[in-house]
Each structure stands twice: as structure tokens, then as C-alpha cells.
Protein backbone atom coordinates (compact mmCIF):
# COMPACT_ATOMS: atom_id res chain seq x y z
CA MET A 1 78.98 32.69 -100.23
CA ASN A 2 76.91 34.51 -97.64
CA LYS A 3 76.13 31.89 -94.98
CA LYS A 4 73.45 33.97 -93.27
CA LEU A 5 71.44 34.37 -96.47
CA VAL A 6 71.83 30.69 -97.33
CA LYS A 7 70.65 29.63 -93.85
CA LEU A 8 67.69 32.01 -94.00
CA GLY A 9 66.75 30.88 -97.50
CA VAL A 10 67.08 27.16 -96.80
CA GLY A 11 65.14 27.43 -93.54
CA GLY A 12 62.38 29.46 -95.16
CA THR A 13 62.24 27.13 -98.14
CA ILE A 14 61.91 24.05 -95.93
CA ILE A 15 59.18 25.57 -93.75
CA THR A 16 57.29 26.95 -96.75
CA ALA A 17 57.60 23.63 -98.62
CA ILE A 18 56.23 21.75 -95.61
CA CYS A 19 53.29 24.14 -95.47
CA CYS A 20 52.75 23.93 -99.25
CA PHE A 21 52.92 20.20 -99.78
CA THR A 22 51.49 18.80 -96.55
CA PRO A 23 48.16 19.48 -94.82
CA VAL A 24 49.87 20.93 -91.71
CA LEU A 25 48.70 24.50 -92.32
CA VAL A 26 45.18 23.32 -93.20
CA TRP A 27 44.98 21.49 -89.87
CA ILE A 28 46.25 24.49 -87.95
CA PHE A 29 43.83 26.91 -89.65
CA GLY A 30 40.98 24.45 -89.18
CA ALA A 31 41.78 24.11 -85.47
CA ILE A 32 41.69 27.88 -84.90
CA GLY A 33 38.62 28.47 -87.08
CA LEU A 34 40.20 30.04 -90.15
CA VAL A 35 39.05 27.47 -92.71
CA ALA A 36 37.97 30.23 -95.13
CA VAL A 37 41.62 31.33 -95.47
CA VAL A 38 42.76 27.89 -96.66
CA ALA A 39 41.57 28.58 -100.22
CA TYR A 40 44.02 31.49 -100.50
CA LEU A 41 47.11 29.73 -99.12
CA ASP A 42 48.50 28.93 -102.57
CA TYR A 43 48.50 32.63 -103.45
CA VAL A 44 50.82 33.27 -100.52
CA LEU A 45 52.87 30.11 -100.16
CA PHE A 46 54.04 29.56 -103.75
CA PRO A 47 55.42 33.12 -104.19
CA LEU A 48 56.98 32.83 -100.73
CA LEU A 49 58.62 29.57 -101.77
CA ALA A 50 60.03 31.28 -104.86
CA ILE A 51 61.31 34.23 -102.79
CA PHE A 52 63.15 31.93 -100.37
CA PHE A 53 64.62 29.99 -103.28
CA VAL A 54 65.94 33.26 -104.77
CA VAL A 55 67.43 34.18 -101.37
CA VAL A 56 69.33 30.87 -101.37
CA VAL A 57 70.67 31.51 -104.88
CA ILE A 58 71.72 35.07 -104.01
CA GLY A 59 73.42 33.82 -100.84
CA LEU A 60 75.36 31.21 -102.81
CA LEU A 61 76.43 33.65 -105.52
CA GLN A 62 77.28 36.58 -103.29
CA GLU A 63 80.99 37.16 -102.81
CA LYS A 64 82.24 37.65 -99.31
CA PRO A 65 83.82 41.10 -98.97
CA THR A 66 87.59 41.05 -98.64
CA ASN A 67 88.84 41.76 -95.18
CA ARG A 68 91.00 44.93 -95.04
CA LYS A 69 93.37 43.24 -92.61
CA GLN A 70 93.94 40.41 -95.10
CA MET A 71 94.61 42.95 -97.86
CA HIS A 72 97.11 44.75 -95.63
CA ASN A 73 98.98 41.49 -95.06
CA LEU A 74 99.46 41.12 -98.85
CA LYS A 75 101.11 44.53 -99.21
CA GLY A 76 104.68 44.20 -100.47
CA LYS A 77 104.36 40.51 -101.32
CA PRO A 78 104.86 39.29 -104.89
CA ALA A 79 101.82 38.60 -107.02
CA VAL A 80 101.04 35.11 -108.24
CA SER A 81 102.33 34.57 -111.78
CA PHE A 82 99.65 34.35 -114.45
CA LYS A 83 99.12 34.96 -118.16
CA LEU A 84 96.31 36.72 -119.99
CA HIS A 85 95.43 37.63 -123.55
CA ASP A 86 95.41 41.35 -124.33
CA SER A 87 92.98 43.12 -126.65
CA ASN A 88 95.24 42.28 -129.63
CA GLY A 89 95.16 38.57 -128.83
CA GLN A 90 98.78 38.41 -127.62
CA THR A 91 99.57 36.44 -124.50
CA ARG A 92 101.03 38.57 -121.72
CA HIS A 93 102.87 37.04 -118.75
CA LEU A 94 103.15 38.86 -115.44
CA ASP A 95 106.78 37.74 -115.19
CA HIS A 96 107.68 39.91 -118.22
CA TYR A 97 106.91 43.04 -116.21
CA LYS A 98 108.92 42.13 -113.12
CA GLY A 99 110.61 45.18 -111.60
CA SER A 100 108.43 47.72 -113.40
CA TRP A 101 105.12 49.40 -112.68
CA LEU A 102 102.10 47.72 -114.23
CA LEU A 103 98.54 48.96 -114.45
CA MET A 104 96.00 46.31 -115.39
CA VAL A 105 92.46 47.25 -116.41
CA PHE A 106 89.92 44.46 -116.59
CA HIS A 107 86.71 44.89 -118.54
CA ARG A 108 84.10 42.67 -120.07
CA HIS A 109 84.69 42.06 -123.75
CA LEU A 110 81.40 42.17 -125.60
CA GLY A 111 81.57 40.65 -129.03
């Protein structure tokens, strides 16, 4: 999760939603003499609301990059035991390969 993107998206969404669904912006534009612009606010505010919503979703889904220092601390430590199915459907356990070199290639199986 990218906290900066989430904060930006949530803040923008709240401000845009307030401007969209309350007459605040209409009052402000009326006070400064820009009443003619009020008719076009929906063309700006609704897409802006959607953009900020997408920023929130991207911020929530974005993985935080792994810190190199953290990776260095894992060097030489044993991996957590797990099991996976290979392309032939057989279950493979990491423990079966203890003491030997193991290259694992992960790919998306389509089909």
C-alpha cells in the first residue's frame, strides 16, 4: 500500500465530493462573479472525482518496494517451508530439496 497515494486520493475525493454534492462551489463562484461557470462544473468535478477514486485504488493495490537492507538481512537464512503444485500436478515440498540448489520459476498459468 502506498500511503502517499492513498492520502492524496482520499483528500482529493473528499474535497471534490464536497464541491460536487453541496452548493459550496456555487456560492464561491457567485460571490466572485463567475456564475456563468457554474453550468460547467459537472464536466470538471465528476471526472475529477473518478480520477481521485482511481488514485485511491492504485495506492491501495500498489506494493511497497522491498528494502535492500531487509533483503540483505535475509541472506543465508533458511526459507520458510511451503508446498506448490508443479506443471504436472504433483505436489512439491521445499523440504525435499534441502541441501541442494533449487531454481524456481513462477509464471501465470493460462488455461
